[in-house]
C-alpha atoms as a PDB file:
ATOM      1  CA  MET A   1     134.756  14.943 116.046  1.00  0.00           C
ATOM      2  CA  LEU A   2     132.445  15.919 113.204  1.00  0.00           C
ATOM      3  CA  ALA A   3     130.219  18.186 115.300  1.00  0.00           C
ATOM      4  CA  ASP A   4     132.969  20.082 117.138  1.00  0.00           C
ATOM      5  CA  SER A   5     132.036  23.329 115.371  1.00  0.00           C
ATOM      6  CA  ILE A   6     128.467  23.028 116.684  1.00  0.00           C
ATOM      7  CA  ARG A   7     129.739  22.248 120.172  1.00  0.00           C
ATOM      8  CA  ALA A   8     131.927  25.348 120.029  1.00  0.00           C
ATOM      9  CA  GLN A   9     128.983  27.491 118.898  1.00  0.00           C
ATOM     10  CA  ILE A  10     126.837  26.229 121.757  1.00  0.00           C
ATOM     11  CA  GLN A  11     129.634  26.784 124.280  1.00  0.00           C
ATOM     12  CA  ASN A  12     130.235  30.319 123.012  1.00  0.00           C
ATOM     13  CA  ALA A  13     126.537  31.090 123.384  1.00  0.00           C
ATOM     14  CA  TRP A  14     126.566  29.827 126.971  1.00  0.00           C
ATOM     15  CA  ASN A  15     129.674  31.845 127.761  1.00  0.00           C
ATOM     16  CA  GLU A  16     127.905  34.915 126.409  1.00  0.00           C
ATOM     17  CA  GLU A  17     124.837  34.074 128.501  1.00  0.00           C
ATOM     18  CA  GLN A  18     127.002  33.941 131.610  1.00  0.00           C
ATOM     19  CA  ARG A  19     128.266  37.446 130.857  1.00  0.00           C
ATOM     20  CA  ARG A  20     124.989  39.074 129.779  1.00  0.00           C
ATOM     21  CA  ASP A  21     122.257  37.008 131.482  1.00  0.00           C
ATOM     22  CA  THR A  22     119.913  37.735 128.564  1.00  0.00           C
ATOM     23  CA  PHE A  23     118.015  34.462 128.288  1.00  0.00           C
ATOM     24  CA  ALA A  24     117.808  33.966 132.056  1.00  0.00           C
ATOM     25  CA  ALA A  25     116.399  37.495 132.436  1.00  0.00           C
ATOM     26  CA  LEU A  26     113.702  36.711 129.893  1.00  0.00           C
ATOM     27  CA  ILE A  27     112.765  33.512 131.716  1.00  0.00           C
ATOM     28  CA  ARG A  28     112.602  35.359 135.051  1.00  0.00           C
ATOM     29  CA  SER A  29     110.334  38.030 133.591  1.00  0.00           C
ATOM     30  CA  GLN A  30     108.001  35.391 132.167  1.00  0.00           C
ATOM     31  CA  LEU A  31     107.843  33.536 135.486  1.00  0.00           C
ATOM     32  CA  ALA A  32     107.173  36.774 137.383  1.00  0.00           C
ATOM     33  CA  ARG A  33     104.332  37.738 135.032  1.00  0.00           C
ATOM     34  CA  ARG A  34     102.831  34.268 135.306  1.00  0.00           C
ATOM     35  CA  ALA A  35     103.023  34.401 139.109  1.00  0.00           C
ATOM     36  CA  GLU A  36     101.350  37.812 139.140  1.00  0.00           C
ATOM     37  CA  ALA A  37      98.593  36.727 136.777  1.00  0.00           C
ATOM     38  CA  SER A  38      97.834  33.549 138.720  1.00  0.00           C
ATOM     39  CA  GLY A  39      98.192  35.036 142.187  1.00  0.00           C
ATOM     40  CA  GLU A  40     101.016  32.633 143.069  1.00  0.00           C
ATOM     41  CA  SER A  41     102.813  33.252 146.332  1.00  0.00           C
ATOM     42  CA  SER A  42     106.161  31.970 145.085  1.00  0.00           C
ATOM     43  CA  SER A  43     109.204  33.824 146.348  1.00  0.00           C
ATOM     44  CA  PRO A  44     111.844  35.423 144.113  1.00  0.00           C
ATOM     45  CA  GLN A  45     114.174  32.639 145.244  1.00  0.00           C
ATOM     46  CA  ASP A  46     111.703  30.001 144.062  1.00  0.00           C
ATOM     47  CA  ARG A  47     111.363  31.729 140.702  1.00  0.00           C
ATOM     48  CA  GLU A  48     115.118  32.001 140.364  1.00  0.00           C
ATOM     49  CA  GLN A  49     115.485  28.290 141.045  1.00  0.00           C
ATOM     50  CA  ALA A  50     112.801  27.554 138.442  1.00  0.00           C
ATOM     51  CA  ALA A  51     114.504  29.868 135.935  1.00  0.00           C
ATOM     52  CA  GLN A  52     117.835  28.124 136.396  1.00  0.00           C
ATOM     53  CA  SER A  53     116.170  24.723 135.994  1.00  0.00           C
ATOM     54  CA  ILE A  54     114.578  25.829 132.709  1.00  0.00           C
ATOM     55  CA  LEU A  55     117.878  27.283 131.500  1.00  0.00           C
ATOM     56  CA  GLU A  56     119.652  24.022 132.303  1.00  0.00           C
ATOM     57  CA  SER A  57     116.952  22.073 130.476  1.00  0.00           C
ATOM     58  CA  TRP A  58     117.588  24.018 127.286  1.00  0.00           C
ATOM     59  CA  ARG A  59     121.342  23.567 127.688  1.00  0.00           C
ATOM     60  CA  VAL A  60     120.971  19.792 127.945  1.00  0.00           C
ATOM     61  CA  GLN A  61     118.719  19.616 124.900  1.00  0.00           C
ATOM     62  CA  LEU A  62     120.935  21.877 122.801  1.00  0.00           C
ATOM     63  CA  GLU A  63     123.898  19.666 123.606  1.00  0.00           C
ATOM     64  CA  GLN A  64     122.009  16.642 122.274  1.00  0.00           C
ATOM     65  CA  VAL A  65     122.473  17.895 118.714  1.00  0.00           C
ATOM     66  CA  PRO A  66     126.247  17.332 118.375  1.00  0.00           C
ATOM     67  CA  VAL A  67     125.931  14.058 120.307  1.00  0.00           C
ATOM     68  CA  PHE A  68     123.474  12.685 117.749  1.00  0.00           C
ATOM     69  CA  ILE A  69     125.492  13.971 114.794  1.00  0.00           C
ATOM     70  CA  ASP A  70     128.677  12.327 116.038  1.00  0.00           C
ATOM     71  CA  ALA A  71     126.875   9.094 116.936  1.00  0.00           C
ATOM     72  CA  LEU A  72     125.404   8.860 113.441  1.00  0.00           C
ATOM     73  CA  ALA A  73     128.739   9.699 111.810  1.00  0.00           C
ATOM     74  CA  GLU A  74     130.663   7.158 113.896  1.00  0.00           C
ATOM     75  CA  THR A  75     128.138   4.383 113.283  1.00  0.00           C
ATOM     76  CA  ALA A  76     128.209   5.122 109.548  1.00  0.00           C
ATOM     77  CA  ALA A  77     132.016   5.057 109.523  1.00  0.00           C
ATOM     78  CA  ASP A  78     132.085   1.723 111.346  1.00  0.00           C
ATOM     79  CA  ALA A  79     129.609   0.296 108.832  1.00  0.00           C
ATOM     80  CA  ARG A  80     131.617   1.806 105.947  1.00  0.00           C
ATOM     81  CA  VAL A  81     128.638   3.789 104.681  1.00  0.00           C
ATOM     82  CA  ALA A  82     129.869   7.276 105.598  1.00  0.00           C
ATOM     83  CA  SER A  83     129.329   8.525 102.047  1.00  0.00           C
ATOM     84  CA  VAL A  84     125.639   7.631 102.324  1.00  0.00           C
ATOM     85  CA  VAL A  85     125.122   9.424 105.638  1.00  0.00           C
ATOM     86  CA  THR A  86     127.310  12.502 105.099  1.00  0.00           C
ATOM     87  CA  PRO A  87     124.716  14.513 103.060  1.00  0.00           C
ATOM     88  CA  ILE A  88     122.209  14.131 105.899  1.00  0.00           C
ATOM     89  CA  LEU A  89     124.683  15.432 108.460  1.00  0.00           C
ATOM     90  CA  GLU A  90     125.794  18.247 106.177  1.00  0.00           C
ATOM     91  CA  ALA A  91     122.181  19.443 105.862  1.00  0.00           C
ATOM     92  CA  VAL A  92     121.853  19.490 109.657  1.00  0.00           C
ATOM     93  CA  GLN A  93     125.125  21.324 110.197  1.00  0.00           C
ATOM     94  CA  GLU A  94     124.586  23.823 107.385  1.00  0.00           C
ATOM     95  CA  TYR A  95     121.560  25.335 109.082  1.00  0.00           C
ATOM     96  CA  PHE A  96     122.894  25.114 112.620  1.00  0.00           C
ATOM     97  CA  LEU A  97     126.021  27.073 111.686  1.00  0.00           C
ATOM     98  CA  ASP A  98     124.221  29.689 109.573  1.00  0.00           C
ATOM     99  CA  PRO A  99     124.442  32.923 111.626  1.00  0.00           C
ATOM    100  CA  ASP A 100     121.566  34.644 109.814  1.00  0.00           C
ATOM    101  CA  ASP A 101     118.781  32.077 109.804  1.00  0.00           C
ATOM    102  CA  VAL A 102     115.153  32.293 110.966  1.00  0.00           C
ATOM    103  CA  VAL A 103     116.304  33.568 114.385  1.00  0.00           C
ATOM    104  CA  PRO A 104     119.749  35.204 114.063  1.00  0.00           C
ATOM    105  CA  ASP A 105     122.433  33.739 116.291  1.00  0.00           C
ATOM    106  CA  SER A 106     123.036  37.221 117.692  1.00  0.00           C
ATOM    107  CA  HIS A 107     120.140  36.409 120.064  1.00  0.00           C
ATOM    108  CA  GLY A 108     122.493  34.047 121.914  1.00  0.00           C
ATOM    109  CA  ILE A 109     120.942  30.912 123.373  1.00  0.00           C
ATOM    110  CA  LEU A 110     117.503  31.800 122.051  1.00  0.00           C
ATOM    111  CA  GLY A 111     119.070  32.221 118.613  1.00  0.00           C
ATOM    112  CA  LEU A 112     120.237  28.596 118.678  1.00  0.00           C
ATOM    113  CA  LEU A 113     116.886  27.060 119.561  1.00  0.00           C
ATOM    114  CA  ASP A 114     115.576  27.351 115.993  1.00  0.00           C
ATOM    115  CA  ASP A 115     118.776  25.589 114.902  1.00  0.00           C
ATOM    116  CA  MET A 116     118.041  22.841 117.412  1.00  0.00           C
ATOM    117  CA  TYR A 117     114.445  22.556 116.194  1.00  0.00           C
ATOM    118  CA  LEU A 118     115.499  22.118 112.589  1.00  0.00           C
ATOM    119  CA  ALA A 119     118.419  19.788 113.351  1.00  0.00           C
ATOM    120  CA  LEU A 120     116.405  17.434 115.559  1.00  0.00           C
ATOM    121  CA  SER A 121     113.412  17.561 113.189  1.00  0.00           C
ATOM    122  CA  LEU A 122     115.608  16.544 110.259  1.00  0.00           C
ATOM    123  CA  LEU A 123     117.197  13.691 112.191  1.00  0.00           C
ATOM    124  CA  GLN A 124     113.809  12.476 113.448  1.00  0.00           C
ATOM    125  CA  ALA A 125     112.271  12.649 109.971  1.00  0.00           C
ATOM    126  CA  VAL A 126     115.130  10.659 108.459  1.00  0.00           C
ATOM    127  CA  SER A 127     114.908   8.112 111.284  1.00  0.00           C
ATOM    128  CA  GLU A 128     111.172   7.683 110.745  1.00  0.00           C
ATOM    129  CA  GLN A 129     111.481   7.379 106.973  1.00  0.00           C
ATOM    130  CA  TYR A 130     114.113   4.713 107.507  1.00  0.00           C
ATOM    131  CA  ARG A 131     111.724   2.871 109.864  1.00  0.00           C
ATOM    132  CA  GLU A 132     108.960   2.902 107.211  1.00  0.00           C
ATOM    133  CA  PHE A 133     111.166   1.004 104.770  1.00  0.00           C
ATOM    134  CA  THR A 134     113.142  -1.281 107.095  1.00  0.00           C
ATOM    135  CA  GLY A 135     111.081  -1.672 110.269  1.00  0.00           C
ATOM    136  CA  HIS A 136     113.986  -0.237 112.275  1.00  0.00           C
ATOM    137  CA  ALA A 137     114.370   3.375 113.398  1.00  0.00           C
ATOM    138  CA  LEU A 138     117.692   4.952 112.471  1.00  0.00           C
ATOM    139  CA  LEU A 139     118.099   6.427 115.970  1.00  0.00           C
ATOM    140  CA  ASP A 140     117.512   4.540 119.212  1.00  0.00           C
ATOM    141  CA  VAL A 141     115.780   7.529 120.825  1.00  0.00           C
ATOM    142  CA  ASP A 142     112.615   9.452 119.966  1.00  0.00           C
ATOM    143  CA  LEU A 143     113.463  13.136 119.463  1.00  0.00           C
ATOM    144  CA  THR A 144     109.809  14.194 119.291  1.00  0.00           C
ATOM    145  CA  PRO A 145     109.546  15.415 122.938  1.00  0.00           C
ATOM    146  CA  SER A 146     112.445  17.830 122.436  1.00  0.00           C
ATOM    147  CA  ILE A 147     111.050  18.988 119.099  1.00  0.00           C
ATOM    148  CA  GLU A 148     107.603  19.597 120.592  1.00  0.00           C
ATOM    149  CA  ALA A 149     109.113  21.411 123.582  1.00  0.00           C
ATOM    150  CA  VAL A 150     110.880  23.988 121.417  1.00  0.00           C
ATOM    151  CA  ARG A 151     108.177  24.415 118.768  1.00  0.00           C
ATOM    152  CA  PRO A 152     105.960  26.831 120.817  1.00  0.00           C
ATOM    153  CA  LEU A 153     108.811  29.351 120.852  1.00  0.00           C
ATOM    154  CA  PHE A 154     108.254  30.054 117.184  1.00  0.00           C
ATOM    155  CA  GLN A 155     104.956  31.409 115.963  1.00  0.00           C
ATOM    156  CA  GLY A 156     103.398  32.541 112.696  1.00  0.00           C
ATOM    157  CA  LYS A 157     105.864  33.141 109.888  1.00  0.00           C
ATOM    158  CA  ARG A 158     108.822  31.836 111.893  1.00  0.00           C
ATOM    159  CA  ILE A 159     107.491  28.331 112.479  1.00  0.00           C
ATOM    160  CA  ALA A 160     106.203  28.243 108.888  1.00  0.00           C
ATOM    161  CA  ALA A 161     109.671  29.181 107.619  1.00  0.00           C
ATOM    162  CA  LEU A 162     111.318  26.517 109.779  1.00  0.00           C
ATOM    163  CA  ASP A 163     108.923  23.780 108.686  1.00  0.00           C
ATOM    164  CA  ALA A 164     109.324  24.809 105.037  1.00  0.00           C
ATOM    165  CA  ARG A 165     113.090  24.589 105.349  1.00  0.00           C
ATOM    166  CA  ILE A 166     112.840  21.120 106.873  1.00  0.00           C
ATOM    167  CA  GLN A 167     110.690  19.906 103.978  1.00  0.00           C
ATOM    168  CA  ALA A 168     113.002  21.525 101.441  1.00  0.00           C
ATOM    169  CA  ALA A 169     116.006  19.788 103.011  1.00  0.00           C
ATOM    170  CA  LEU A 170     114.266  16.408 102.922  1.00  0.00           C
ATOM    171  CA  CYS A 171     113.495  16.878  99.212  1.00  0.00           C
ATOM    172  CA  GLN A 172     117.034  17.773  98.157  1.00  0.00           C
ATOM    173  CA  PRO A 173     118.461  15.273  95.647  1.00  0.00           C
ATOM    174  CA  THR A 174     121.432  14.515  97.894  1.00  0.00           C
ATOM    175  CA  MET A 175     119.108  13.798 100.834  1.00  0.00           C
ATOM    176  CA  LEU A 176     116.861  11.570  98.742  1.00  0.00           C
ATOM    177  CA  SER A 177     119.913   9.736  97.465  1.00  0.00           C
ATOM    178  CA  SER A 178     121.153   9.187 101.026  1.00  0.00           C
ATOM    179  CA  LEU A 179     117.799   7.811 102.131  1.00  0.00           C
ATOM    180  CA  GLN A 180     117.712   5.471  99.164  1.00  0.00           C
ATOM    181  CA  GLY A 181     121.241   4.340  99.964  1.00  0.00           C
ATOM    182  CA  LEU A 182     120.307   3.578 103.566  1.00  0.00           C
ATOM    183  CA  ARG A 183     117.295   1.553 102.478  1.00  0.00           C
ATOM    184  CA  SER A 184     119.456  -0.477 100.121  1.00  0.00           C
ATOM    185  CA  LEU A 185     121.924  -1.663 102.779  1.00  0.00           C
ATOM    186  CA  ASP A 186     122.135  -5.416 103.270  1.00  0.00           C
ATOM    187  CA  GLN A 187     122.063  -5.118 107.072  1.00  0.00           C
ATOM    188  CA  PRO A 188     119.836  -2.841 109.211  1.00  0.00           C
ATOM    189  CA  PHE A 189     121.704   0.322 110.099  1.00  0.00           C
ATOM    190  CA  ALA A 190     120.887   1.835 113.493  1.00  0.00           C
ATOM    191  CA  VAL A 191     122.624   4.248 115.832  1.00  0.00           C
ATOM    192  CA  LYS A 192     123.034   2.997 119.378  1.00  0.00           C
ATOM    193  CA  ASN A 193     124.311   5.678 121.692  1.00  0.00           C
ATOM    194  CA  SER A 194     124.248   5.528 125.472  1.00  0.00           C
ATOM    195  CA  GLU A 195     124.762   9.305 125.718  1.00  0.00           C
ATOM    196  CA  SER A 196     121.556  10.094 123.865  1.00  0.00           C
ATOM    197  CA  GLU A 197     119.285   9.973 126.925  1.00  0.00           C
ATOM    198  CA  GLN A 198     116.949  12.959 127.134  1.00  0.00           C
ATOM    199  CA  HIS A 199     116.575  15.032 130.283  1.00  0.00           C
ATOM    200  CA  HIS A 200     114.294  17.738 131.610  1.00  0.00           C
ATOM    201  CA  VAL A 201     112.044  18.025 128.564  1.00  0.00           C
ATOM    202  CA  ALA A 202     109.047  18.833 130.765  1.00  0.00           C
ATOM    203  CA  ASP A 203     110.943  21.602 132.551  1.00  0.00           C
ATOM    204  CA  THR A 204     111.131  23.660 129.373  1.00  0.00           C
ATOM    205  CA  MET A 205     107.340  23.803 129.282  1.00  0.00           C
ATOM    206  CA  GLN A 206     107.095  25.696 132.570  1.00  0.00           C
ATOM    207  CA  THR A 207     107.148  29.094 130.883  1.00  0.00           C
ATOM    208  CA  HIS A 208     105.927  30.601 127.622  1.00  0.00           C
ATOM    209  CA  ILE A 209     108.926  32.240 126.021  1.00  0.00           C
ATOM    210  CA  SER A 210     108.933  33.402 122.430  1.00  0.00           C
ATOM    211  CA  ILE A 211     111.143  35.330 120.089  1.00  0.00           C
ATOM    212  CA  ASP A 212     108.562  38.124 120.148  1.00  0.00           C
ATOM    213  CA  ASN A 213     108.846  38.287 123.948  1.00  0.00           C
ATOM    214  CA  LEU A 214     112.586  38.772 123.623  1.00  0.00           C
ATOM    215  CA  GLN A 215     112.230  41.537 121.063  1.00  0.00           C
ATOM    216  CA  ARG A 216     109.656  43.401 123.151  1.00  0.00           C
ATOM    217  CA  ALA A 217     111.765  43.089 126.292  1.00  0.00           C
ATOM    218  CA  SER A 218     114.864  44.280 124.464  1.00  0.00           C
ATOM    219  CA  ALA A 219     113.007  47.291 123.046  1.00  0.00           C
ATOM    220  CA  ALA A 220     111.807  48.215 126.518  1.00  0.00           C
ATOM    221  CA  GLY A 221     115.286  47.915 127.957  1.00  0.00           C
ATOM    222  CA  ARG A 222     114.399  45.054 130.284  1.00  0.00           C
ATOM    223  CA  VAL A 223     116.957  42.707 128.764  1.00  0.00           C
ATOM    224  CA  ARG A 224     120.552  43.816 128.567  1.00  0.00           C
END
């Protein structure tokens, strides 16, 4: 499958999370601070359950990325327009697999969430541009909820850098050529994928986690 390298990267990050508990520890600390600030009477067990739910939500959404890439690649291959779609998928994969991007992948799961933001934003933008010209979205699912769920993690220069990279990718000659090729197809081209259902988007909004939080916690020794 085209996106196997991304799947492997995500799986490796989750294996590392199981060993080090870094992201889960950050979520727990955020939930505990929120409970203290609001005077909540939630028990540690309740907060742990909430932390695990949030962690699972991010896992599900991260795993959407290779599903969408493979669905788009397979649909393009079946329609014999793989050469038109390949530059779009290459742009998505190039950033996702870059270890030293806006948030380095050394941050584990948190270091993949900027990759997810850019990948889903690119796919959504291409889908919407395709809709403007054909009346049909390229993807049969709206990725906006997942994009908006992850966006608050990145603030200031980080979100500006991510958005700038998305725009730069969309303006690349190969990307523009692919979009023009899709618009020129005789038949509407759309990805139908039963596995693309979104889950738990709202759960990720239960806590305010940011890259800066992680760096502060790491400096203080609260995250291993």
